[in-house]
Amino acid sequence: MLPMCVILAILGAEYPMLAGENTPTARKKAQLVLGDGDAVRVEYSPVSAGSRSPGQRLNPEVWSPGTGQATIFTTAANLAIADSKLPPGQYSLYLQPSGDGWILIINQQVGQAASSYPEGWDIVHAPMKKRELSTPVSLLTFSLQRQGLKGGTLKLSFGKTEVSVPFEEAPPEEGMPDSS
């Protein structure tokens, strides 16, 4: 007979919700170190592509990618994303999925459940490029890929869809919003 811990590990691998989506083992991380040594990181809880959506619909337009705790985006560098500046700090990520172009929302509140969207705290709305994958992925996956010495691309893959947004390291500017 198998010990109870082995049975729970097997069940948790097959049914992640039984493992506890808020546990550290259920969270995934993607990290990119920029040319000057500053890191950019995403921490999230994957969702099975069989669920038909990349997360929870919070209102008619906004989705929270993943489950459990809201997806966290951390940067040690000042970043330029689309036409916005993002100072170093921790943030939450949300999405506005639509036909050909999705919008990445970076929100200043951190630590809330994925089922919560703190309206009024958005700091960035950036258009994302969408493409269809030839081979579907089974779990929601974030990745960070280098683009040159001081830039990168944040990618989210789910089922046959991939959306991405480029970013680059930016010099600090007077009047940049404070993330605290």
N, C-alpha and C. Protein backbone atom coordinates (compact mmCIF):
# COMPACT_ATOMS: atom_id res chain seq x y z
N MET A 1 0.84 -1.18 0.00
CA MET A 1 0.00 0.00 0.00
C MET A 1 0.89 1.25 0.00
N LEU A 2 0.49 2.26 -0.80
CA LEU A 2 1.27 3.48 -0.91
C LEU A 2 1.04 4.38 0.30
N PRO A 3 2.10 5.04 0.78
CA PRO A 3 1.92 6.00 1.87
C PRO A 3 1.04 7.16 1.41
N MET A 4 0.33 7.77 2.36
CA MET A 4 -0.61 8.85 2.05
C MET A 4 0.08 10.01 1.32
N CYS A 5 1.33 10.35 1.69
CA CYS A 5 2.01 11.47 1.03
C CYS A 5 2.26 11.19 -0.45
N VAL A 6 2.51 9.94 -0.81
CA VAL A 6 2.71 9.57 -2.21
C VAL A 6 1.39 9.68 -2.96
N ILE A 7 0.31 9.24 -2.37
CA ILE A 7 -1.00 9.33 -3.00
C ILE A 7 -1.37 10.79 -3.24
N LEU A 8 -1.14 11.65 -2.23
CA LEU A 8 -1.45 13.07 -2.39
C LEU A 8 -0.58 13.72 -3.46
N ALA A 9 0.68 13.33 -3.56
CA ALA A 9 1.57 13.87 -4.59
C ALA A 9 1.09 13.46 -5.98
N ILE A 10 0.66 12.23 -6.14
CA ILE A 10 0.15 11.77 -7.43
C ILE A 10 -1.14 12.51 -7.78
N LEU A 11 -2.05 12.63 -6.83
CA LEU A 11 -3.30 13.34 -7.08
C LEU A 11 -3.05 14.82 -7.36
N GLY A 12 -2.11 15.43 -6.65
CA GLY A 12 -1.79 16.84 -6.86
C GLY A 12 -1.21 17.09 -8.23
N ALA A 13 -0.43 16.15 -8.75
CA ALA A 13 0.13 16.31 -10.09
C ALA A 13 -0.96 16.18 -11.15
N GLU A 14 -1.90 15.28 -10.94
CA GLU A 14 -2.98 15.07 -11.90
C GLU A 14 -4.07 16.12 -11.77
N TYR A 15 -4.36 16.56 -10.55
CA TYR A 15 -5.41 17.54 -10.27
C TYR A 15 -4.82 18.64 -9.40
N PRO A 16 -4.20 19.68 -10.03
CA PRO A 16 -3.50 20.72 -9.27
C PRO A 16 -4.35 21.38 -8.20
N MET A 17 -5.67 21.47 -8.40
CA MET A 17 -6.49 22.11 -7.39
C MET A 17 -6.46 21.36 -6.07
N LEU A 18 -6.15 20.06 -6.11
CA LEU A 18 -6.05 19.29 -4.86
C LEU A 18 -4.74 19.57 -4.14
N ALA A 19 -3.74 20.04 -4.87
CA ALA A 19 -2.44 20.34 -4.25
C ALA A 19 -2.48 21.68 -3.53
N GLY A 20 -3.50 22.47 -3.77
CA GLY A 20 -3.59 23.78 -3.14
C GLY A 20 -2.96 24.82 -4.02
N GLU A 21 -3.76 25.58 -4.75
CA GLU A 21 -3.23 26.51 -5.74
C GLU A 21 -2.46 27.66 -5.12
N ASN A 22 -2.61 27.90 -3.83
CA ASN A 22 -1.87 28.99 -3.21
C ASN A 22 -0.55 28.52 -2.60
N THR A 23 -0.22 27.26 -2.76
CA THR A 23 1.04 26.77 -2.21
C THR A 23 2.19 27.17 -3.12
N PRO A 24 3.38 27.38 -2.55
CA PRO A 24 4.52 27.78 -3.37
C PRO A 24 4.84 26.78 -4.48
N THR A 25 4.57 25.49 -4.26
CA THR A 25 4.89 24.49 -5.28
C THR A 25 3.97 24.62 -6.48
N ALA A 26 2.79 25.21 -6.32
CA ALA A 26 1.86 25.37 -7.44
C ALA A 26 2.23 26.58 -8.29
N ARG A 27 3.02 27.51 -7.78
CA ARG A 27 3.41 28.72 -8.51
C ARG A 27 4.58 28.44 -9.43
N LYS A 28 4.58 29.05 -10.59
CA LYS A 28 5.68 28.96 -11.55
C LYS A 28 6.33 30.33 -11.67
N LYS A 29 7.60 30.34 -12.08
CA LYS A 29 8.33 31.60 -12.23
C LYS A 29 9.05 31.63 -13.57
N ALA A 30 9.10 32.81 -14.16
CA ALA A 30 9.92 33.08 -15.33
C ALA A 30 10.75 34.30 -15.00
N GLN A 31 12.03 34.28 -15.37
CA GLN A 31 12.91 35.40 -15.03
C GLN A 31 13.84 35.71 -16.19
N LEU A 32 14.16 36.99 -16.33
CA LEU A 32 15.12 37.47 -17.31
C LEU A 32 16.03 38.47 -16.62
N VAL A 33 17.35 38.28 -16.77
CA VAL A 33 18.32 39.23 -16.22
C VAL A 33 18.77 40.12 -17.38
N LEU A 34 18.57 41.42 -17.21
CA LEU A 34 18.94 42.38 -18.25
C LEU A 34 20.44 42.62 -18.22
N GLY A 35 20.94 43.35 -19.21
CA GLY A 35 22.37 43.55 -19.39
C GLY A 35 23.10 44.12 -18.20
N ASP A 36 22.45 44.95 -17.39
CA ASP A 36 23.13 45.54 -16.24
C ASP A 36 22.95 44.72 -14.97
N GLY A 37 22.33 43.54 -15.08
CA GLY A 37 22.15 42.67 -13.93
C GLY A 37 20.80 42.78 -13.25
N ASP A 38 19.98 43.76 -13.63
CA ASP A 38 18.64 43.89 -13.05
C ASP A 38 17.73 42.79 -13.60
N ALA A 39 16.93 42.22 -12.73
CA ALA A 39 16.05 41.11 -13.13
C ALA A 39 14.61 41.58 -13.31
N VAL A 40 13.93 40.91 -14.23
CA VAL A 40 12.50 41.05 -14.44
C VAL A 40 11.93 39.65 -14.23
N ARG A 41 10.82 39.55 -13.47
CA ARG A 41 10.31 38.22 -13.10
C ARG A 41 8.78 38.21 -13.12
N VAL A 42 8.22 37.06 -13.49
CA VAL A 42 6.78 36.83 -13.43
C VAL A 42 6.56 35.59 -12.57
N GLU A 43 5.62 35.67 -11.62
CA GLU A 43 5.27 34.52 -10.77
C GLU A 43 3.76 34.32 -10.90
N TYR A 44 3.38 33.08 -11.27
CA TYR A 44 1.97 32.82 -11.59
C TYR A 44 1.60 31.37 -11.26
N SER A 45 0.30 31.12 -11.22
CA SER A 45 -0.22 29.76 -11.06
C SER A 45 -0.85 29.34 -12.37
N PRO A 46 -0.32 28.29 -13.01
CA PRO A 46 -0.83 27.90 -14.32
C PRO A 46 -2.26 27.37 -14.28
N VAL A 47 -2.93 27.52 -15.42
CA VAL A 47 -4.28 27.02 -15.63
C VAL A 47 -4.19 26.02 -16.78
N SER A 48 -4.93 24.94 -16.70
CA SER A 48 -4.96 23.96 -17.78
C SER A 48 -5.65 24.56 -19.00
N ALA A 49 -5.07 24.35 -20.18
CA ALA A 49 -5.67 24.87 -21.41
C ALA A 49 -7.03 24.22 -21.67
N GLY A 50 -7.32 23.10 -21.04
CA GLY A 50 -8.62 22.46 -21.17
C GLY A 50 -9.73 23.26 -20.53
N SER A 51 -9.39 24.29 -19.73
CA SER A 51 -10.41 25.09 -19.06
C SER A 51 -11.05 26.14 -19.97
N ARG A 52 -10.54 26.29 -21.20
CA ARG A 52 -11.07 27.18 -22.23
C ARG A 52 -10.80 28.65 -22.01
N SER A 53 -10.25 29.06 -20.86
CA SER A 53 -9.91 30.47 -20.66
C SER A 53 -8.61 30.56 -19.86
N PRO A 54 -7.84 31.64 -20.09
CA PRO A 54 -6.53 31.76 -19.43
C PRO A 54 -6.58 32.17 -17.98
N GLY A 55 -7.75 32.18 -17.39
CA GLY A 55 -7.86 32.58 -15.99
C GLY A 55 -9.29 32.89 -15.65
N GLN A 56 -9.46 33.86 -14.77
CA GLN A 56 -10.81 34.21 -14.30
C GLN A 56 -11.27 35.52 -14.91
N ARG A 57 -12.52 35.50 -15.38
CA ARG A 57 -13.12 36.73 -15.90
C ARG A 57 -13.61 37.53 -14.70
N LEU A 58 -13.08 38.75 -14.56
CA LEU A 58 -13.39 39.55 -13.38
C LEU A 58 -14.49 40.58 -13.64
N ASN A 59 -14.61 41.01 -14.87
CA ASN A 59 -15.69 41.88 -15.30
C ASN A 59 -15.82 41.66 -16.80
N PRO A 60 -16.69 42.35 -17.50
CA PRO A 60 -16.85 42.04 -18.93
C PRO A 60 -15.57 42.16 -19.75
N GLU A 61 -14.58 42.92 -19.28
CA GLU A 61 -13.38 43.15 -20.08
C GLU A 61 -12.10 42.58 -19.49
N VAL A 62 -11.97 42.49 -18.19
CA VAL A 62 -10.69 42.15 -17.55
C VAL A 62 -10.65 40.70 -17.08
N TRP A 63 -9.52 40.06 -17.37
CA TRP A 63 -9.26 38.68 -16.95
C TRP A 63 -8.01 38.67 -16.07
N SER A 64 -7.98 37.75 -15.13
CA SER A 64 -6.80 37.53 -14.32
C SER A 64 -6.15 36.24 -14.80
N PRO A 65 -4.94 36.30 -15.37
CA PRO A 65 -4.31 35.07 -15.84
C PRO A 65 -3.86 34.21 -14.67
N GLY A 66 -4.22 32.95 -14.69
CA GLY A 66 -3.82 32.04 -13.62
C GLY A 66 -4.91 31.88 -12.58
N THR A 67 -4.53 31.28 -11.48
CA THR A 67 -5.46 31.00 -10.38
C THR A 67 -4.80 31.35 -9.06
N GLY A 68 -5.53 31.18 -7.96
CA GLY A 68 -4.97 31.43 -6.63
C GLY A 68 -4.70 32.89 -6.42
N GLN A 69 -3.44 33.24 -6.23
CA GLN A 69 -3.03 34.63 -6.05
C GLN A 69 -2.83 35.27 -7.43
N ALA A 70 -3.12 36.57 -7.54
CA ALA A 70 -2.93 37.28 -8.80
C ALA A 70 -1.49 37.13 -9.27
N THR A 71 -1.30 37.08 -10.58
CA THR A 71 0.03 36.97 -11.18
C THR A 71 0.85 38.19 -10.82
N ILE A 72 2.10 37.96 -10.39
CA ILE A 72 2.98 39.03 -9.93
C ILE A 72 4.07 39.29 -10.97
N PHE A 73 4.28 40.56 -11.28
CA PHE A 73 5.35 41.00 -12.17
C PHE A 73 6.28 41.86 -11.34
N THR A 74 7.56 41.51 -11.32
CA THR A 74 8.55 42.25 -10.52
C THR A 74 9.65 42.74 -11.44
N THR A 75 10.05 43.99 -11.28
CA THR A 75 11.18 44.52 -12.03
C THR A 75 12.12 45.27 -11.09
N ALA A 76 13.41 45.05 -11.26
CA ALA A 76 14.43 45.80 -10.52
C ALA A 76 14.91 46.99 -11.33
N ALA A 77 14.45 47.09 -12.58
CA ALA A 77 14.87 48.17 -13.48
C ALA A 77 13.68 49.05 -13.82
N ASN A 78 13.96 50.28 -14.21
CA ASN A 78 12.94 51.13 -14.81
C ASN A 78 12.68 50.56 -16.20
N LEU A 79 11.41 50.38 -16.56
CA LEU A 79 11.08 49.80 -17.86
C LEU A 79 10.20 50.75 -18.66
N ALA A 80 10.33 50.64 -19.98
CA ALA A 80 9.42 51.29 -20.91
C ALA A 80 8.62 50.16 -21.56
N ILE A 81 7.29 50.23 -21.42
CA ILE A 81 6.39 49.25 -22.02
C ILE A 81 5.36 50.03 -22.80
N ALA A 82 5.34 49.82 -24.12
CA ALA A 82 4.48 50.61 -25.00
C ALA A 82 4.83 52.08 -24.77
N ASP A 83 3.85 52.92 -24.50
CA ASP A 83 4.10 54.35 -24.26
C ASP A 83 4.18 54.69 -22.79
N SER A 84 4.34 53.66 -21.94
CA SER A 84 4.32 53.87 -20.48
C SER A 84 5.67 53.59 -19.86
N LYS A 85 5.92 54.24 -18.75
CA LYS A 85 7.12 53.99 -17.94
C LYS A 85 6.70 53.24 -16.69
N LEU A 86 7.51 52.26 -16.30
CA LEU A 86 7.22 51.45 -15.13
C LEU A 86 8.44 51.47 -14.21
N PRO A 87 8.31 52.05 -13.02
CA PRO A 87 9.46 52.09 -12.09
C PRO A 87 9.69 50.72 -11.45
N PRO A 88 10.86 50.50 -10.86
CA PRO A 88 11.12 49.24 -10.16
C PRO A 88 10.04 48.97 -9.11
N GLY A 89 9.69 47.71 -8.96
CA GLY A 89 8.70 47.35 -7.96
C GLY A 89 7.97 46.07 -8.31
N GLN A 90 6.95 45.75 -7.52
CA GLN A 90 6.09 44.59 -7.75
C GLN A 90 4.72 45.07 -8.18
N TYR A 91 4.14 44.32 -9.11
CA TYR A 91 2.84 44.67 -9.68
C TYR A 91 2.05 43.40 -9.93
N SER A 92 0.75 43.56 -10.24
CA SER A 92 -0.09 42.44 -10.65
C SER A 92 -0.41 42.60 -12.13
N LEU A 93 -0.55 41.44 -12.82
CA LEU A 93 -0.86 41.45 -14.25
C LEU A 93 -2.30 41.03 -14.48
N TYR A 94 -2.94 41.71 -15.42
CA TYR A 94 -4.29 41.38 -15.87
C TYR A 94 -4.32 41.50 -17.39
N LEU A 95 -5.37 40.97 -17.99
CA LEU A 95 -5.50 40.97 -19.45
C LEU A 95 -6.86 41.48 -19.87
N GLN A 96 -6.90 42.09 -21.06
CA GLN A 96 -8.15 42.39 -21.74
C GLN A 96 -8.09 41.64 -23.07
N PRO A 97 -8.56 40.38 -23.09
CA PRO A 97 -8.53 39.63 -24.35
C PRO A 97 -9.58 40.16 -25.32
N SER A 98 -9.19 40.24 -26.57
CA SER A 98 -10.14 40.57 -27.62
C SER A 98 -9.57 40.04 -28.93
N GLY A 99 -10.39 39.91 -29.91
CA GLY A 99 -10.03 39.39 -31.23
C GLY A 99 -8.55 39.34 -31.54
N ASP A 100 -8.08 40.31 -32.30
CA ASP A 100 -6.69 40.29 -32.77
C ASP A 100 -5.69 40.94 -31.84
N GLY A 101 -6.13 41.79 -30.93
CA GLY A 101 -5.18 42.48 -30.08
C GLY A 101 -5.60 42.48 -28.63
N TRP A 102 -4.80 41.89 -27.80
CA TRP A 102 -5.07 41.88 -26.38
C TRP A 102 -4.35 43.07 -25.74
N ILE A 103 -4.79 43.43 -24.54
CA ILE A 103 -4.16 44.50 -23.77
C ILE A 103 -3.62 43.90 -22.47
N LEU A 104 -2.35 44.18 -22.17
CA LEU A 104 -1.74 43.81 -20.89
C LEU A 104 -2.00 44.96 -19.94
N ILE A 105 -2.52 44.64 -18.76
CA ILE A 105 -2.75 45.64 -17.72
C ILE A 105 -1.78 45.35 -16.58
N ILE A 106 -1.02 46.35 -16.18
CA ILE A 106 -0.13 46.23 -15.02
C ILE A 106 -0.74 47.11 -13.94
N ASN A 107 -1.02 46.48 -12.80
CA ASN A 107 -1.76 47.10 -11.71
C ASN A 107 -0.83 47.24 -10.50
N GLN A 108 -0.95 48.34 -9.76
CA GLN A 108 -0.06 48.62 -8.64
C GLN A 108 -0.34 47.80 -7.39
N GLN A 109 -1.50 47.19 -7.27
CA GLN A 109 -1.82 46.39 -6.08
C GLN A 109 -1.22 44.99 -6.24
N VAL A 110 -0.72 44.43 -5.15
CA VAL A 110 -0.07 43.11 -5.17
C VAL A 110 -0.57 42.30 -3.98
N GLY A 111 -0.70 41.00 -4.17
CA GLY A 111 -1.03 40.11 -3.06
C GLY A 111 -2.48 39.71 -3.01
N GLN A 112 -3.33 40.29 -3.84
CA GLN A 112 -4.75 39.95 -3.82
C GLN A 112 -4.98 38.62 -4.55
N ALA A 113 -6.14 38.06 -4.31
CA ALA A 113 -6.53 36.82 -4.99
C ALA A 113 -6.71 37.10 -6.47
N ALA A 114 -6.51 36.07 -7.28
CA ALA A 114 -6.70 36.20 -8.73
C ALA A 114 -8.14 36.55 -9.07
N SER A 115 -9.04 36.30 -8.16
CA SER A 115 -10.46 36.61 -8.39
C SER A 115 -10.80 38.08 -8.11
N SER A 116 -9.78 38.89 -7.77
CA SER A 116 -9.99 40.29 -7.43
C SER A 116 -9.24 41.19 -8.42
N TYR A 117 -9.88 42.26 -8.86
CA TYR A 117 -9.24 43.25 -9.72
C TYR A 117 -9.41 44.62 -9.07
N PRO A 118 -8.34 45.18 -8.50
CA PRO A 118 -8.43 46.48 -7.85
C PRO A 118 -8.47 47.62 -8.87
N GLU A 119 -9.67 47.97 -9.31
CA GLU A 119 -9.83 49.03 -10.31
C GLU A 119 -9.29 50.34 -9.77
N GLY A 120 -8.79 51.15 -10.66
CA GLY A 120 -8.26 52.45 -10.28
C GLY A 120 -6.77 52.42 -9.93
N TRP A 121 -6.15 51.25 -9.98
CA TRP A 121 -4.74 51.13 -9.63
C TRP A 121 -3.87 50.73 -10.83
N ASP A 122 -4.42 50.80 -12.04
CA ASP A 122 -3.64 50.44 -13.22
C ASP A 122 -2.55 51.47 -13.47
N ILE A 123 -1.37 51.00 -13.86
CA ILE A 123 -0.26 51.90 -14.15
C ILE A 123 0.15 51.80 -15.62
N VAL A 124 -0.13 50.64 -16.26
CA VAL A 124 0.21 50.43 -17.67
C VAL A 124 -0.93 49.69 -18.36
N HIS A 125 -1.27 50.14 -19.56
CA HIS A 125 -2.13 49.41 -20.50
C HIS A 125 -1.31 49.32 -21.78
N ALA A 126 -0.87 48.11 -22.14
CA ALA A 126 0.01 47.95 -23.30
C ALA A 126 -0.60 46.96 -24.29
N PRO A 127 -0.66 47.34 -25.57
CA PRO A 127 -1.17 46.42 -26.58
C PRO A 127 -0.23 45.22 -26.73
N MET A 128 -0.83 44.05 -26.89
CA MET A 128 -0.07 42.81 -27.05
C MET A 128 -0.27 42.27 -28.47
N LYS A 129 0.78 41.71 -29.01
CA LYS A 129 0.71 41.07 -30.33
C LYS A 129 0.20 39.65 -30.13
N LYS A 130 -0.74 39.23 -30.94
CA LYS A 130 -1.34 37.89 -30.82
C LYS A 130 -0.96 37.06 -32.03
N ARG A 131 -0.66 35.78 -31.78
CA ARG A 131 -0.42 34.85 -32.87
C ARG A 131 -0.92 33.47 -32.48
N GLU A 132 -1.20 32.65 -33.49
CA GLU A 132 -1.65 31.28 -33.25
C GLU A 132 -0.45 30.35 -33.25
N LEU A 133 -0.38 29.49 -32.22
CA LEU A 133 0.70 28.51 -32.12
C LEU A 133 0.37 27.30 -32.99
N SER A 134 1.38 26.73 -33.62
CA SER A 134 1.16 25.52 -34.42
C SER A 134 0.96 24.30 -33.53
N THR A 135 1.59 24.31 -32.37
CA THR A 135 1.42 23.23 -31.40
C THR A 135 0.87 23.83 -30.12
N PRO A 136 -0.31 23.39 -29.68
CA PRO A 136 -0.89 23.98 -28.47
C PRO A 136 -0.10 23.62 -27.22
N VAL A 137 -0.15 24.50 -26.22
CA VAL A 137 0.46 24.22 -24.92
C VAL A 137 -0.64 23.77 -23.97
N SER A 138 -0.31 22.88 -23.05
CA SER A 138 -1.33 22.30 -22.17
C SER A 138 -1.63 23.16 -20.95
N LEU A 139 -0.69 24.03 -20.56
CA LEU A 139 -0.89 24.91 -19.41
C LEU A 139 -0.59 26.35 -19.78
N LEU A 140 -1.28 27.28 -19.14
CA LEU A 140 -0.94 28.69 -19.26
C LEU A 140 0.53 28.84 -18.87
N THR A 141 1.31 29.51 -19.72
CA THR A 141 2.73 29.66 -19.47
C THR A 141 3.17 31.08 -19.77
N PHE A 142 3.88 31.68 -18.84
CA PHE A 142 4.54 32.97 -19.07
C PHE A 142 6.01 32.69 -19.36
N SER A 143 6.59 33.49 -20.26
CA SER A 143 8.03 33.41 -20.49
C SER A 143 8.55 34.82 -20.73
N LEU A 144 9.82 35.01 -20.45
CA LEU A 144 10.51 36.27 -20.68
C LEU A 144 11.69 35.98 -21.58
N GLN A 145 11.79 36.66 -22.70
CA GLN A 145 12.87 36.42 -23.65
C GLN A 145 13.63 37.71 -23.91
N ARG A 146 14.95 37.56 -23.99
CA ARG A 146 15.82 38.72 -24.20
C ARG A 146 15.65 39.26 -25.62
N GLN A 147 15.67 40.59 -25.72
CA GLN A 147 15.67 41.29 -27.00
C GLN A 147 16.76 42.35 -26.89
N GLY A 148 17.94 42.06 -27.41
CA GLY A 148 19.06 42.98 -27.27
C GLY A 148 19.62 42.93 -25.85
N LEU A 149 20.44 43.91 -25.51
CA LEU A 149 21.09 43.93 -24.20
C LEU A 149 20.17 44.43 -23.10
N LYS A 150 19.30 45.39 -23.41
CA LYS A 150 18.51 46.03 -22.37
C LYS A 150 17.01 45.86 -22.57
N GLY A 151 16.60 44.86 -23.33
CA GLY A 151 15.19 44.69 -23.56
C GLY A 151 14.76 43.24 -23.51
N GLY A 152 13.46 43.05 -23.58
CA GLY A 152 12.92 41.71 -23.56
C GLY A 152 11.49 41.70 -24.06
N THR A 153 10.93 40.51 -24.06
CA THR A 153 9.54 40.31 -24.44
C THR A 153 8.87 39.44 -23.40
N LEU A 154 7.72 39.89 -22.92
CA LEU A 154 6.89 39.09 -22.03
C LEU A 154 5.90 38.35 -22.91
N LYS A 155 5.87 37.01 -22.79
CA LYS A 155 4.96 36.19 -23.58
C LYS A 155 4.06 35.38 -22.66
N LEU A 156 2.82 35.23 -23.09
CA LEU A 156 1.86 34.37 -22.42
C LEU A 156 1.33 33.41 -23.47
N SER A 157 1.44 32.11 -23.20
CA SER A 157 0.93 31.08 -24.11
C SER A 157 -0.18 30.33 -23.40
N PHE A 158 -1.25 30.06 -24.16
CA PHE A 158 -2.40 29.35 -23.60
C PHE A 158 -3.12 28.64 -24.74
N GLY A 159 -3.16 27.30 -24.68
CA GLY A 159 -3.78 26.55 -25.78
C GLY A 159 -3.04 26.83 -27.07
N LYS A 160 -3.73 27.33 -28.08
CA LYS A 160 -3.10 27.66 -29.37
C LYS A 160 -2.82 29.15 -29.53
N THR A 161 -2.96 29.92 -28.43
CA THR A 161 -2.78 31.37 -28.50
C THR A 161 -1.51 31.79 -27.77
N GLU A 162 -0.77 32.71 -28.39
CA GLU A 162 0.37 33.34 -27.74
C GLU A 162 0.19 34.85 -27.91
N VAL A 163 0.33 35.58 -26.82
CA VAL A 163 0.32 37.04 -26.86
C VAL A 163 1.64 37.53 -26.26
N SER A 164 2.14 38.64 -26.79
CA SER A 164 3.44 39.14 -26.31
C SER A 164 3.47 40.65 -26.34
N VAL A 165 4.35 41.19 -25.50
CA VAL A 165 4.57 42.63 -25.45
C VAL A 165 6.06 42.86 -25.17
N PRO A 166 6.69 43.73 -25.97
CA PRO A 166 8.10 44.04 -25.72
C PRO A 166 8.25 45.09 -24.63
N PHE A 167 9.41 45.09 -24.00
CA PHE A 167 9.75 46.12 -23.02
C PHE A 167 11.24 46.37 -23.12
N GLU A 168 11.66 47.51 -22.60
CA GLU A 168 13.10 47.79 -22.57
C GLU A 168 13.43 48.59 -21.32
N GLU A 169 14.67 48.45 -20.93
CA GLU A 169 15.14 49.21 -19.78
C GLU A 169 15.13 50.68 -20.13
N ALA A 170 14.69 51.51 -19.20
CA ALA A 170 14.59 52.95 -19.44
C ALA A 170 15.29 53.70 -18.33
N PRO A 171 15.85 54.86 -18.64
CA PRO A 171 16.46 55.65 -17.57
C PRO A 171 15.37 56.18 -16.64
N PRO A 172 15.68 56.35 -15.35
CA PRO A 172 14.68 56.93 -14.45
C PRO A 172 14.35 58.35 -14.92
N GLU A 173 13.10 58.69 -14.77
CA GLU A 173 12.66 60.02 -15.16
C GLU A 173 12.02 60.71 -13.97
N GLU A 174 12.14 62.01 -13.94
CA GLU A 174 11.43 62.76 -12.91
C GLU A 174 9.94 62.58 -13.15
N GLY A 175 9.22 62.43 -12.06
CA GLY A 175 7.78 62.31 -12.17
C GLY A 175 7.29 60.93 -12.52
N MET A 176 8.20 59.92 -12.52
CA MET A 176 7.72 58.56 -12.76
C MET A 176 6.80 58.17 -11.62
N PRO A 177 5.73 57.44 -11.93
CA PRO A 177 4.82 57.03 -10.86
C PRO A 177 5.54 56.18 -9.83
N ASP A 178 5.12 56.32 -8.59
CA ASP A 178 5.70 55.54 -7.51
C ASP A 178 4.91 54.27 -7.34
N SER A 179 5.60 53.12 -7.30
CA SER A 179 4.90 51.83 -7.21
C SER A 179 4.49 51.48 -5.78
N SER A 180 4.91 52.26 -4.82
CA SER A 180 4.57 51.91 -3.44
C SER A 180 3.27 52.52 -2.98
